[in-house]
PDB file of all heavy atoms in Angstrom:
ATOM      1  N   ASP A   1     -43.510 -22.183 -23.031  1.00  0.00           N
ATOM      2  CA  ASP A   1     -42.912 -20.963 -22.534  1.00  0.00           C
ATOM      3  C   ASP A   1     -42.268 -20.141 -23.633  1.00  0.00           C
ATOM      4  O   ASP A   1     -42.112 -18.934 -23.510  1.00  0.00           O
ATOM      5  CB  ASP A   1     -41.867 -21.292 -21.454  1.00  0.00           C
ATOM      6  CG  ASP A   1     -42.492 -21.827 -20.181  1.00  0.00           C
ATOM      7  OD1 ASP A   1     -43.697 -21.617 -19.969  1.00  0.00           O
ATOM      8  OD2 ASP A   1     -41.763 -22.477 -19.396  1.00  0.00           O
ATOM      9  N   LYS A   2     -41.865 -20.798 -24.716  1.00  0.00           N
ATOM     10  CA  LYS A   2     -41.143 -20.104 -25.795  1.00  0.00           C
ATOM     11  C   LYS A   2     -42.087 -19.486 -26.825  1.00  0.00           C
ATOM     12  O   LYS A   2     -41.692 -18.560 -27.523  1.00  0.00           O
ATOM     13  CB  LYS A   2     -40.214 -21.087 -26.517  1.00  0.00           C
ATOM     14  CG  LYS A   2     -39.055 -21.526 -25.682  1.00  0.00           C
ATOM     15  CD  LYS A   2     -38.178 -22.485 -26.473  1.00  0.00           C
ATOM     16  CE  LYS A   2     -37.006 -22.985 -25.650  1.00  0.00           C
ATOM     17  NZ  LYS A   2     -36.208 -23.949 -26.401  1.00  0.00           N
ATOM     18  N   ILE A   3     -43.293 -20.010 -26.976  1.00  0.00           N
ATOM     19  CA  ILE A   3     -44.191 -19.588 -28.040  1.00  0.00           C
ATOM     20  C   ILE A   3     -45.285 -18.688 -27.467  1.00  0.00           C
ATOM     21  O   ILE A   3     -45.959 -19.027 -26.511  1.00  0.00           O
ATOM     22  CB  ILE A   3     -44.819 -20.813 -28.750  1.00  0.00           C
ATOM     23  CG1 ILE A   3     -43.722 -21.659 -29.381  1.00  0.00           C
ATOM     24  CG2 ILE A   3     -45.837 -20.374 -29.790  1.00  0.00           C
ATOM     25  CD1 ILE A   3     -44.170 -22.973 -29.936  1.00  0.00           C
ATOM     26  N   ALA A   4     -45.460 -17.525 -28.088  1.00  0.00           N
ATOM     27  CA  ALA A   4     -46.459 -16.576 -27.630  1.00  0.00           C
ATOM     28  C   ALA A   4     -47.858 -17.095 -27.944  1.00  0.00           C
ATOM     29  O   ALA A   4     -48.107 -17.702 -28.990  1.00  0.00           O
ATOM     30  CB  ALA A   4     -46.246 -15.231 -28.324  1.00  0.00           C
ATOM     31  N   GLU A   5     -48.776 -16.821 -27.028  1.00  0.00           N
ATOM     32  CA  GLU A   5     -50.165 -17.185 -27.237  1.00  0.00           C
ATOM     33  C   GLU A   5     -50.906 -15.985 -27.842  1.00  0.00           C
ATOM     34  O   GLU A   5     -50.423 -14.849 -27.806  1.00  0.00           O
ATOM     35  CB  GLU A   5     -50.801 -17.593 -25.916  1.00  0.00           C
ATOM     36  CG  GLU A   5     -50.223 -18.894 -25.369  1.00  0.00           C
ATOM     37  CD  GLU A   5     -50.844 -19.300 -24.046  1.00  0.00           C
ATOM     38  OE1 GLU A   5     -51.751 -18.620 -23.536  1.00  0.00           O
ATOM     39  OE2 GLU A   5     -50.404 -20.352 -23.532  1.00  0.00           O
ATOM     40  N   GLN A   6     -52.095 -16.249 -28.375  1.00  0.00           N
ATOM     41  CA  GLN A   6     -52.869 -15.212 -29.054  1.00  0.00           C
ATOM     42  C   GLN A   6     -53.106 -13.987 -28.162  1.00  0.00           C
ATOM     43  O   GLN A   6     -52.927 -12.862 -28.608  1.00  0.00           O
ATOM     44  CB  GLN A   6     -54.212 -15.803 -29.501  1.00  0.00           C
ATOM     45  CG  GLN A   6     -55.056 -14.868 -30.337  1.00  0.00           C
ATOM     46  CD  GLN A   6     -54.476 -14.636 -31.712  1.00  0.00           C
ATOM     47  OE1 GLN A   6     -53.654 -15.405 -32.192  1.00  0.00           O
ATOM     48  NE2 GLN A   6     -54.914 -13.589 -32.363  1.00  0.00           N
ATOM     49  N   LYS A   7     -53.454 -14.197 -26.904  1.00  0.00           N
ATOM     50  CA  LYS A   7     -53.727 -13.069 -26.005  1.00  0.00           C
ATOM     51  C   LYS A   7     -52.475 -12.210 -25.822  1.00  0.00           C
ATOM     52  O   LYS A   7     -52.548 -10.981 -25.848  1.00  0.00           O
ATOM     53  CB  LYS A   7     -54.197 -13.605 -24.644  1.00  0.00           C
ATOM     54  CG  LYS A   7     -54.538 -12.503 -23.680  1.00  0.00           C
ATOM     55  CD  LYS A   7     -54.997 -13.044 -22.347  1.00  0.00           C
ATOM     56  CE  LYS A   7     -55.280 -11.882 -21.414  1.00  0.00           C
ATOM     57  NZ  LYS A   7     -55.180 -12.213 -20.044  1.00  0.00           N
ATOM     58  N   GLU A   8     -51.334 -12.854 -25.664  1.00  0.00           N
ATOM     59  CA  GLU A   8     -50.082 -12.134 -25.480  1.00  0.00           C
ATOM     60  C   GLU A   8     -49.765 -11.289 -26.716  1.00  0.00           C
ATOM     61  O   GLU A   8     -49.305 -10.144 -26.612  1.00  0.00           O
ATOM     62  CB  GLU A   8     -48.960 -13.139 -25.215  1.00  0.00           C
ATOM     63  CG  GLU A   8     -47.621 -12.532 -24.955  1.00  0.00           C
ATOM     64  CD  GLU A   8     -46.523 -13.564 -24.714  1.00  0.00           C
ATOM     65  OE1 GLU A   8     -46.805 -14.774 -24.726  1.00  0.00           O
ATOM     66  OE2 GLU A   8     -45.371 -13.133 -24.541  1.00  0.00           O
ATOM     67  N   ILE A   9     -50.005 -11.849 -27.892  1.00  0.00           N
ATOM     68  CA  ILE A   9     -49.741 -11.121 -29.149  1.00  0.00           C
ATOM     69  C   ILE A   9     -50.660  -9.896 -29.248  1.00  0.00           C
ATOM     70  O   ILE A   9     -50.221  -8.810 -29.588  1.00  0.00           O
ATOM     71  CB  ILE A   9     -49.925 -12.051 -30.351  1.00  0.00           C
ATOM     72  CG1 ILE A   9     -48.856 -13.143 -30.357  1.00  0.00           C
ATOM     73  CG2 ILE A   9     -49.904 -11.268 -31.666  1.00  0.00           C
ATOM     74  CD1 ILE A   9     -49.107 -14.268 -31.335  1.00  0.00           C
ATOM     75  N   LEU A  10     -51.949 -10.091 -28.942  1.00  0.00           N
ATOM     76  CA  LEU A  10     -52.894  -8.968 -29.009  1.00  0.00           C
ATOM     77  C   LEU A  10     -52.530  -7.875 -28.004  1.00  0.00           C
ATOM     78  O   LEU A  10     -52.605  -6.684 -28.319  1.00  0.00           O
ATOM     79  CB  LEU A  10     -54.315  -9.474 -28.776  1.00  0.00           C
ATOM     80  CG  LEU A  10     -54.895 -10.359 -29.866  1.00  0.00           C
ATOM     81  CD1 LEU A  10     -56.252 -10.927 -29.444  1.00  0.00           C
ATOM     82  CD2 LEU A  10     -55.020  -9.615 -31.181  1.00  0.00           C
ATOM     83  N   GLU A  11     -52.115  -8.264 -26.805  1.00  0.00           N
ATOM     84  CA  GLU A  11     -51.716  -7.279 -25.805  1.00  0.00           C
ATOM     85  C   GLU A  11     -50.505  -6.495 -26.273  1.00  0.00           C
ATOM     86  O   GLU A  11     -50.435  -5.267 -26.123  1.00  0.00           O
ATOM     87  CB  GLU A  11     -51.421  -7.965 -24.467  1.00  0.00           C
ATOM     88  CG  GLU A  11     -52.661  -8.468 -23.760  1.00  0.00           C
ATOM     89  CD  GLU A  11     -52.348  -9.338 -22.553  1.00  0.00           C
ATOM     90  OE1 GLU A  11     -51.150  -9.695 -22.339  1.00  0.00           O
ATOM     91  OE2 GLU A  11     -53.302  -9.670 -21.818  1.00  0.00           O
ATOM     92  N   PHE A  12     -49.515  -7.195 -26.859  1.00  0.00           N
ATOM     93  CA  PHE A  12     -48.318  -6.525 -27.354  1.00  0.00           C
ATOM     94  C   PHE A  12     -48.675  -5.550 -28.476  1.00  0.00           C
ATOM     95  O   PHE A  12     -48.230  -4.397 -28.475  1.00  0.00           O
ATOM     96  CB  PHE A  12     -47.298  -7.544 -27.850  1.00  0.00           C
ATOM     97  CG  PHE A  12     -46.119  -6.919 -28.560  1.00  0.00           C
ATOM     98  CD1 PHE A  12     -45.143  -6.255 -27.835  1.00  0.00           C
ATOM     99  CD2 PHE A  12     -46.016  -6.975 -29.930  1.00  0.00           C
ATOM    100  CE1 PHE A  12     -44.069  -5.651 -28.490  1.00  0.00           C
ATOM    101  CE2 PHE A  12     -44.949  -6.377 -30.587  1.00  0.00           C
ATOM    102  CZ  PHE A  12     -43.972  -5.711 -29.858  1.00  0.00           C
ATOM    103  N   MET A  13     -49.484  -5.989 -29.433  1.00  0.00           N
ATOM    104  CA  MET A  13     -49.853  -5.125 -30.562  1.00  0.00           C
ATOM    105  C   MET A  13     -50.617  -3.891 -30.045  1.00  0.00           C
ATOM    106  O   MET A  13     -50.450  -2.806 -30.575  1.00  0.00           O
ATOM    107  CB  MET A  13     -50.715  -5.903 -31.563  1.00  0.00           C
ATOM    108  CG  MET A  13     -49.968  -7.014 -32.275  1.00  0.00           C
ATOM    109  SD  MET A  13     -48.599  -6.439 -33.256  1.00  0.00           S
ATOM    110  CE  MET A  13     -49.455  -5.706 -34.611  1.00  0.00           C
ATOM    111  N   THR A  14     -51.429  -4.068 -29.024  1.00  0.00           N
ATOM    112  CA  THR A  14     -52.161  -2.949 -28.449  1.00  0.00           C
ATOM    113  C   THR A  14     -51.195  -1.961 -27.794  1.00  0.00           C
ATOM    114  O   THR A  14     -51.339  -0.746 -27.952  1.00  0.00           O
ATOM    115  CB  THR A  14     -53.191  -3.437 -27.419  1.00  0.00           C
ATOM    116  OG1 THR A  14     -54.090  -4.337 -28.085  1.00  0.00           O
ATOM    117  CG2 THR A  14     -53.974  -2.290 -26.817  1.00  0.00           C
ATOM    118  N   ARG A  15     -50.195  -2.451 -27.086  1.00  0.00           N
ATOM    119  CA  ARG A  15     -49.184  -1.551 -26.472  1.00  0.00           C
ATOM    120  C   ARG A  15     -48.412  -0.799 -27.551  1.00  0.00           C
ATOM    121  O   ARG A  15     -48.122   0.387 -27.387  1.00  0.00           O
ATOM    122  CB  ARG A  15     -48.239  -2.334 -25.575  1.00  0.00           C
ATOM    123  CG  ARG A  15     -48.857  -2.786 -24.270  1.00  0.00           C
ATOM    124  CD  ARG A  15     -47.796  -3.275 -23.274  1.00  0.00           C
ATOM    125  NE  ARG A  15     -46.849  -4.227 -23.827  1.00  0.00           N
ATOM    126  CZ  ARG A  15     -47.016  -5.543 -23.859  1.00  0.00           C
ATOM    127  NH1 ARG A  15     -48.111  -6.085 -23.386  1.00  0.00           N
ATOM    128  NH2 ARG A  15     -46.085  -6.323 -24.372  1.00  0.00           N
ATOM    129  N   VAL A  16     -48.090  -1.473 -28.667  1.00  0.00           N
ATOM    130  CA  VAL A  16     -47.379  -0.806 -29.758  1.00  0.00           C
ATOM    131  C   VAL A  16     -48.275   0.272 -30.357  1.00  0.00           C
ATOM    132  O   VAL A  16     -47.841   1.407 -30.608  1.00  0.00           O
ATOM    133  CB  VAL A  16     -46.954  -1.828 -30.850  1.00  0.00           C
ATOM    134  CG1 VAL A  16     -46.438  -1.112 -32.088  1.00  0.00           C
ATOM    135  CG2 VAL A  16     -45.898  -2.771 -30.306  1.00  0.00           C
ATOM    136  N   MET A  17     -49.537  -0.070 -30.573  1.00  0.00           N
ATOM    137  CA  MET A  17     -50.472   0.886 -31.162  1.00  0.00           C
ATOM    138  C   MET A  17     -50.614   2.132 -30.273  1.00  0.00           C
ATOM    139  O   MET A  17     -50.690   3.248 -30.751  1.00  0.00           O
ATOM    140  CB  MET A  17     -51.844   0.248 -31.357  1.00  0.00           C
ATOM    141  CG  MET A  17     -52.883   1.164 -31.989  1.00  0.00           C
ATOM    142  SD  MET A  17     -54.546   0.526 -31.840  1.00  0.00           S
ATOM    143  CE  MET A  17     -54.872   0.827 -30.119  1.00  0.00           C
ATOM    144  N   ARG A  18     -50.609   1.918 -28.975  1.00  0.00           N
ATOM    145  CA  ARG A  18     -50.751   3.030 -28.015  1.00  0.00           C
ATOM    146  C   ARG A  18     -49.410   3.709 -27.725  1.00  0.00           C
ATOM    147  O   ARG A  18     -49.352   4.608 -26.890  1.00  0.00           O
ATOM    148  CB  ARG A  18     -51.357   2.522 -26.711  1.00  0.00           C
ATOM    149  CG  ARG A  18     -52.791   2.076 -26.910  1.00  0.00           C
ATOM    150  CD  ARG A  18     -53.389   1.546 -25.636  1.00  0.00           C
ATOM    151  NE  ARG A  18     -54.777   1.159 -25.862  1.00  0.00           N
ATOM    152  CZ  ARG A  18     -55.458   0.361 -25.094  1.00  0.00           C
ATOM    153  NH1 ARG A  18     -54.897  -0.140 -23.992  1.00  0.00           N
ATOM    154  NH2 ARG A  18     -56.706   0.051 -25.365  1.00  0.00           N
ATOM    155  N   ARG A  19     -48.380   3.252 -28.369  1.00  0.00           N
ATOM    156  CA  ARG A  19     -47.015   3.774 -28.239  1.00  0.00           C
ATOM    157  C   ARG A  19     -46.516   3.679 -26.788  1.00  0.00           C
ATOM    158  O   ARG A  19     -45.825   4.539 -26.296  1.00  0.00           O
ATOM    159  CB  ARG A  19     -46.928   5.207 -28.765  1.00  0.00           C
ATOM    160  CG  ARG A  19     -47.260   5.262 -30.249  1.00  0.00           C
ATOM    161  CD  ARG A  19     -47.116   6.615 -30.846  1.00  0.00           C
ATOM    162  NE  ARG A  19     -45.694   6.947 -30.910  1.00  0.00           N
ATOM    163  CZ  ARG A  19     -45.234   8.192 -31.024  1.00  0.00           C
ATOM    164  NH1 ARG A  19     -46.062   9.180 -31.126  1.00  0.00           N
ATOM    165  NH2 ARG A  19     -43.956   8.419 -31.060  1.00  0.00           N
ATOM    166  N   GLN A  20     -46.865   2.564 -26.135  1.00  0.00           N
ATOM    167  CA  GLN A  20     -46.410   2.297 -24.781  1.00  0.00           C
ATOM    168  C   GLN A  20     -45.139   1.467 -24.772  1.00  0.00           C
ATOM    169  O   GLN A  20     -44.476   1.394 -23.751  1.00  0.00           O
ATOM    170  CB  GLN A  20     -47.507   1.569 -23.999  1.00  0.00           C
ATOM    171  CG  GLN A  20     -48.753   2.426 -23.790  1.00  0.00           C
ATOM    172  CD  GLN A  20     -49.922   1.635 -23.248  1.00  0.00           C
ATOM    173  OE1 GLN A  20     -50.014   0.422 -23.411  1.00  0.00           O
ATOM    174  NE2 GLN A  20     -50.847   2.334 -22.603  1.00  0.00           N
ATOM    175  N   GLU A  21     -44.832   0.805 -25.881  1.00  0.00           N
ATOM    176  CA  GLU A  21     -43.597   0.024 -25.986  1.00  0.00           C
ATOM    177  C   GLU A  21     -42.458   1.003 -26.243  1.00  0.00           C
ATOM    178  O   GLU A  21     -42.547   1.853 -27.094  1.00  0.00           O
ATOM    179  CB  GLU A  21     -43.682  -0.987 -27.122  1.00  0.00           C
ATOM    180  CG  GLU A  21     -44.503  -2.208 -26.817  1.00  0.00           C
ATOM    181  CD  GLU A  21     -43.882  -3.085 -25.737  1.00  0.00           C
ATOM    182  OE1 GLU A  21     -42.666  -3.350 -25.806  1.00  0.00           O
ATOM    183  OE2 GLU A  21     -44.619  -3.492 -24.844  1.00  0.00           O
ATOM    184  N   MET A  22     -41.402   0.830 -25.486  1.00  0.00           N
ATOM    185  CA  MET A  22     -40.251   1.742 -25.618  1.00  0.00           C
ATOM    186  C   MET A  22     -39.153   1.088 -26.447  1.00  0.00           C
ATOM    187  O   MET A  22     -38.959  -0.115 -26.393  1.00  0.00           O
ATOM    188  CB  MET A  22     -39.702   2.091 -24.236  1.00  0.00           C
ATOM    189  CG  MET A  22     -40.733   2.722 -23.296  1.00  0.00           C
ATOM    190  SD  MET A  22     -41.446   4.227 -23.946  1.00  0.00           S
ATOM    191  CE  MET A  22     -40.179   5.370 -23.576  1.00  0.00           C
ATOM    192  N   GLU A  23     -38.462   1.894 -27.208  1.00  0.00           N
ATOM    193  CA  GLU A  23     -37.332   1.444 -28.009  1.00  0.00           C
ATOM    194  C   GLU A  23     -36.064   2.121 -27.476  1.00  0.00           C
ATOM    195  O   GLU A  23     -36.120   3.289 -27.064  1.00  0.00           O
ATOM    196  CB  GLU A  23     -37.497   1.825 -29.488  1.00  0.00           C
ATOM    197  CG  GLU A  23     -38.671   1.158 -30.156  1.00  0.00           C
ATOM    198  CD  GLU A  23     -38.806   1.581 -31.605  1.00  0.00           C
ATOM    199  OE1 GLU A  23     -37.856   2.190 -32.166  1.00  0.00           O
ATOM    200  OE2 GLU A  23     -39.867   1.321 -32.182  1.00  0.00           O
ATOM    201  N   GLN A  24     -34.948   1.425 -27.539  1.00  0.00           N
ATOM    202  CA  GLN A  24     -33.686   2.040 -27.123  1.00  0.00           C
ATOM    203  C   GLN A  24     -32.980   2.583 -28.351  1.00  0.00           C
ATOM    204  O   GLN A  24     -32.859   1.904 -29.370  1.00  0.00           O
ATOM    205  CB  GLN A  24     -32.791   1.013 -26.431  1.00  0.00           C
ATOM    206  CG  GLN A  24     -33.279   0.681 -25.046  1.00  0.00           C
ATOM    207  CD  GLN A  24     -32.267  -0.154 -24.287  1.00  0.00           C
ATOM    208  OE1 GLN A  24     -31.371  -0.759 -24.851  1.00  0.00           O
ATOM    209  NE2 GLN A  24     -32.417  -0.192 -22.964  1.00  0.00           N
ATOM    210  N   VAL A  25     -32.535   3.816 -28.255  1.00  0.00           N
ATOM    211  CA  VAL A  25     -31.809   4.470 -29.329  1.00  0.00           C
ATOM    212  C   VAL A  25     -30.430   4.860 -28.785  1.00  0.00           C
ATOM    213  O   VAL A  25     -30.330   5.460 -27.707  1.00  0.00           O
ATOM    214  CB  VAL A  25     -32.562   5.726 -29.827  1.00  0.00           C
ATOM    215  CG1 VAL A  25     -31.768   6.449 -30.903  1.00  0.00           C
ATOM    216  CG2 VAL A  25     -33.941   5.351 -30.314  1.00  0.00           C
ATOM    217  N   THR A  26     -29.387   4.538 -29.516  1.00  0.00           N
ATOM    218  CA  THR A  26     -28.037   4.884 -29.120  1.00  0.00           C
ATOM    219  C   THR A  26     -27.560   6.055 -29.957  1.00  0.00           C
ATOM    220  O   THR A  26     -27.609   6.000 -31.198  1.00  0.00           O
ATOM    221  CB  THR A  26     -27.079   3.677 -29.312  1.00  0.00           C
ATOM    222  OG1 THR A  26     -27.594   2.572 -28.577  1.00  0.00           O
ATOM    223  CG2 THR A  26     -25.687   4.009 -28.818  1.00  0.00           C
ATOM    224  N   ASN A  27     -27.086   7.096 -29.284  1.00  0.00           N
ATOM    225  CA  ASN A  27     -26.556   8.267 -29.965  1.00  0.00           C
ATOM    226  C   ASN A  27     -25.082   8.422 -29.609  1.00  0.00           C
ATOM    227  O   ASN A  27     -24.680   8.175 -28.490  1.00  0.00           O
ATOM    228  CB  ASN A  27     -27.289   9.539 -29.523  1.00  0.00           C
ATOM    229  CG  ASN A  27     -28.756   9.500 -29.922  1.00  0.00           C
ATOM    230  OD1 ASN A  27     -29.070   9.235 -31.072  1.00  0.00           O
ATOM    231  ND2 ASN A  27     -29.625   9.777 -28.962  1.00  0.00           N
ATOM    232  N   VAL A  28     -24.296   8.868 -30.579  1.00  0.00           N
ATOM    233  CA  VAL A  28     -22.880   9.162 -30.340  1.00  0.00           C
ATOM    234  C   VAL A  28     -22.779  10.672 -30.190  1.00  0.00           C
ATOM    235  O   VAL A  28     -23.074  11.420 -31.123  1.00  0.00           O
ATOM    236  CB  VAL A  28     -21.977   8.657 -31.498  1.00  0.00           C
ATOM    237  CG1 VAL A  28     -20.535   9.030 -31.239  1.00  0.00           C
ATOM    238  CG2 VAL A  28     -22.158   7.161 -31.675  1.00  0.00           C
ATOM    239  N   LEU A  29     -22.377  11.103 -29.019  1.00  0.00           N
ATOM    240  CA  LEU A  29     -22.218  12.528 -28.745  1.00  0.00           C
ATOM    241  C   LEU A  29     -20.745  12.897 -28.691  1.00  0.00           C
ATOM    242  O   LEU A  29     -19.927  12.102 -28.269  1.00  0.00           O
ATOM    243  CB  LEU A  29     -22.872  12.880 -27.406  1.00  0.00           C
ATOM    244  CG  LEU A  29     -24.332  12.504 -27.231  1.00  0.00           C
ATOM    245  CD1 LEU A  29     -24.795  12.810 -25.809  1.00  0.00           C
ATOM    246  CD2 LEU A  29     -25.196  13.256 -28.225  1.00  0.00           C
ATOM    247  N   LYS A  30     -20.447  14.093 -29.132  1.00  0.00           N
ATOM    248  CA  LYS A  30     -19.078  14.602 -29.040  1.00  0.00           C
ATOM    249  C   LYS A  30     -19.022  15.597 -27.887  1.00  0.00           C
ATOM    250  O   LYS A  30     -19.653  16.630 -27.914  1.00  0.00           O
ATOM    251  CB  LYS A  30     -18.667  15.259 -30.344  1.00  0.00           C
ATOM    252  CG  LYS A  30     -18.706  14.300 -31.508  1.00  0.00           C
ATOM    253  CD  LYS A  30     -17.666  14.596 -32.524  1.00  0.00           C
ATOM    254  CE  LYS A  30     -17.807  13.609 -33.677  1.00  0.00           C
ATOM    255  NZ  LYS A  30     -16.656  12.925 -33.933  1.00  0.00           N
ATOM    256  N   LYS A  31     -18.301  15.209 -26.854  1.00  0.00           N
ATOM    257  CA  LYS A  31     -18.200  16.006 -25.653  1.00  0.00           C
ATOM    258  C   LYS A  31     -16.821  16.676 -25.649  1.00  0.00           C
ATOM    259  O   LYS A  31     -15.795  16.015 -25.724  1.00  0.00           O
ATOM    260  CB  LYS A  31     -18.370  15.098 -24.440  1.00  0.00           C
ATOM    261  CG  LYS A  31     -18.221  15.782 -23.107  1.00  0.00           C
ATOM    262  CD  LYS A  31     -18.367  14.772 -21.989  1.00  0.00           C
ATOM    263  CE  LYS A  31     -18.004  15.395 -20.669  1.00  0.00           C
ATOM    264  NZ  LYS A  31     -18.001  14.401 -19.596  1.00  0.00           N
ATOM    265  N   PRO A  32     -16.780  18.036 -25.525  1.00  0.00           N
ATOM    266  CA  PRO A  32     -15.474  18.703 -25.514  1.00  0.00           C
ATOM    267  C   PRO A  32     -14.760  18.471 -24.182  1.00  0.00           C
ATOM    268  O   PRO A  32     -15.362  18.542 -23.117  1.00  0.00           O
ATOM    269  CB  PRO A  32     -15.813  20.173 -25.695  1.00  0.00           C
ATOM    270  CG  PRO A  32     -17.239  20.314 -25.357  1.00  0.00           C
ATOM    271  CD  PRO A  32     -17.889  18.957 -25.532  1.00  0.00           C
ATOM    272  N   VAL A  33     -13.465  18.162 -24.282  1.00  0.00           N
ATOM    273  CA  VAL A  33     -12.632  17.932 -23.097  1.00  0.00           C
ATOM    274  C   VAL A  33     -11.403  18.808 -23.220  1.00  0.00           C
ATOM    275  O   VAL A  33     -10.789  18.888 -24.283  1.00  0.00           O
ATOM    276  CB  VAL A  33     -12.235  16.448 -22.998  1.00  0.00           C
ATOM    277  CG1 VAL A  33     -11.304  16.195 -21.824  1.00  0.00           C
ATOM    278  CG2 VAL A  33     -13.462  15.566 -22.909  1.00  0.00           C
ATOM    279  N   VAL A  34     -11.042  19.449 -22.121  1.00  0.00           N
ATOM    280  CA  VAL A  34      -9.869  20.337 -22.120  1.00  0.00           C
ATOM    281  C   VAL A  34      -8.683  19.522 -21.601  1.00  0.00           C
ATOM    282  O   VAL A  34      -8.720  18.961 -20.513  1.00  0.00           O
ATOM    283  CB  VAL A  34     -10.101  21.573 -21.229  1.00  0.00           C
ATOM    284  CG1 VAL A  34      -8.838  22.432 -21.176  1.00  0.00           C
ATOM    285  CG2 VAL A  34     -11.297  22.352 -21.705  1.00  0.00           C
ATOM    286  N   LEU A  35      -7.629  19.443 -22.416  1.00  0.00           N
ATOM    287  CA  LEU A  35      -6.397  18.754 -22.034  1.00  0.00           C
ATOM    288  C   LEU A  35      -5.284  19.786 -21.836  1.00  0.00           C
ATOM    289  O   LEU A  35      -5.166  20.739 -22.611  1.00  0.00           O
ATOM    290  CB  LEU A  35      -5.961  17.782 -23.123  1.00  0.00           C
ATOM    291  CG  LEU A  35      -6.881  16.616 -23.439  1.00  0.00           C
ATOM    292  CD1 LEU A  35      -6.318  15.803 -24.613  1.00  0.00           C
ATOM    293  CD2 LEU A  35      -7.058  15.726 -22.241  1.00  0.00           C
ATOM    294  N   THR A  36      -4.496  19.570 -20.808  1.00  0.00           N
ATOM    295  CA  THR A  36      -3.327  20.425 -20.590  1.00  0.00           C
ATOM    296  C   THR A  36      -2.137  19.717 -21.194  1.00  0.00           C
ATOM    297  O   THR A  36      -1.832  18.564 -20.846  1.00  0.00           O
ATOM    298  CB  THR A  36      -3.103  20.667 -19.080  1.00  0.00           C
ATOM    299  OG1 THR A  36      -4.287  21.234 -18.526  1.00  0.00           O
ATOM    300  CG2 THR A  36      -1.946  21.595 -18.874  1.00  0.00           C
ATOM    301  N   VAL A  37      -1.484  20.403 -22.115  1.00  0.00           N
ATOM    302  CA  VAL A  37      -0.341  19.805 -22.811  1.00  0.00           C
ATOM    303  C   VAL A  37       0.928  20.513 -22.396  1.00  0.00           C
ATOM    304  O   VAL A  37       0.998  21.743 -22.391  1.00  0.00           O
ATOM    305  CB  VAL A  37      -0.547  19.927 -24.350  1.00  0.00           C
ATOM    306  CG1 VAL A  37       0.649  19.330 -25.092  1.00  0.00           C
ATOM    307  CG2 VAL A  37      -1.848  19.295 -24.774  1.00  0.00           C
ATOM    308  N   ASN A  38       1.931  19.738 -22.004  1.00  0.00           N
ATOM    309  CA  ASN A  38       3.240  20.292 -21.631  1.00  0.00           C
ATOM    310  C   ASN A  38       4.122  20.307 -22.865  1.00  0.00           C
ATOM    311  O   ASN A  38       4.322  19.306 -23.530  1.00  0.00           O
ATOM    312  CB  ASN A  38       3.921  19.449 -20.541  1.00  0.00           C
ATOM    313  CG  ASN A  38       3.198  19.577 -19.217  1.00  0.00           C
ATOM    314  OD1 ASN A  38       2.648  20.639 -18.917  1.00  0.00           O
ATOM    315  ND2 ASN A  38       3.176  18.518 -18.464  1.00  0.00           N
ATOM    316  N   GLY A  39       4.649  21.487 -23.158  1.00  0.00           N
ATOM    317  CA  GLY A  39       5.535  21.617 -24.307  1.00  0.00           C
ATOM    318  C   GLY A  39       6.959  21.229 -23.951  1.00  0.00           C
ATOM    319  O   GLY A  39       7.235  20.633 -22.904  1.00  0.00           O
ATOM    320  N   SER A  40       7.916  21.609 -24.778  1.00  0.00           N
ATOM    321  CA  SER A  40       9.313  21.241 -24.564  1.00  0.00           C
ATOM    322  C   SER A  40       9.968  22.051 -23.458  1.00  0.00           C
ATOM    323  O   SER A  40      10.908  21.613 -22.828  1.00  0.00           O
ATOM    324  CB  SER A  40      10.097  21.402 -25.869  1.00  0.00           C
ATOM    325  OG  SER A  40       9.961  22.734 -26.321  1.00  0.00           O
TER     326      SER A  40
END
């Protein structure tokens, strides 16, 4: 169960070649937030 077989490897490489495998990308976004500040 832990070791990939030849068929599984070929199927994976084919999906990568066809760009069907998805990658997760993390982006840091700066979102503007309005704060109400009470003065003295």
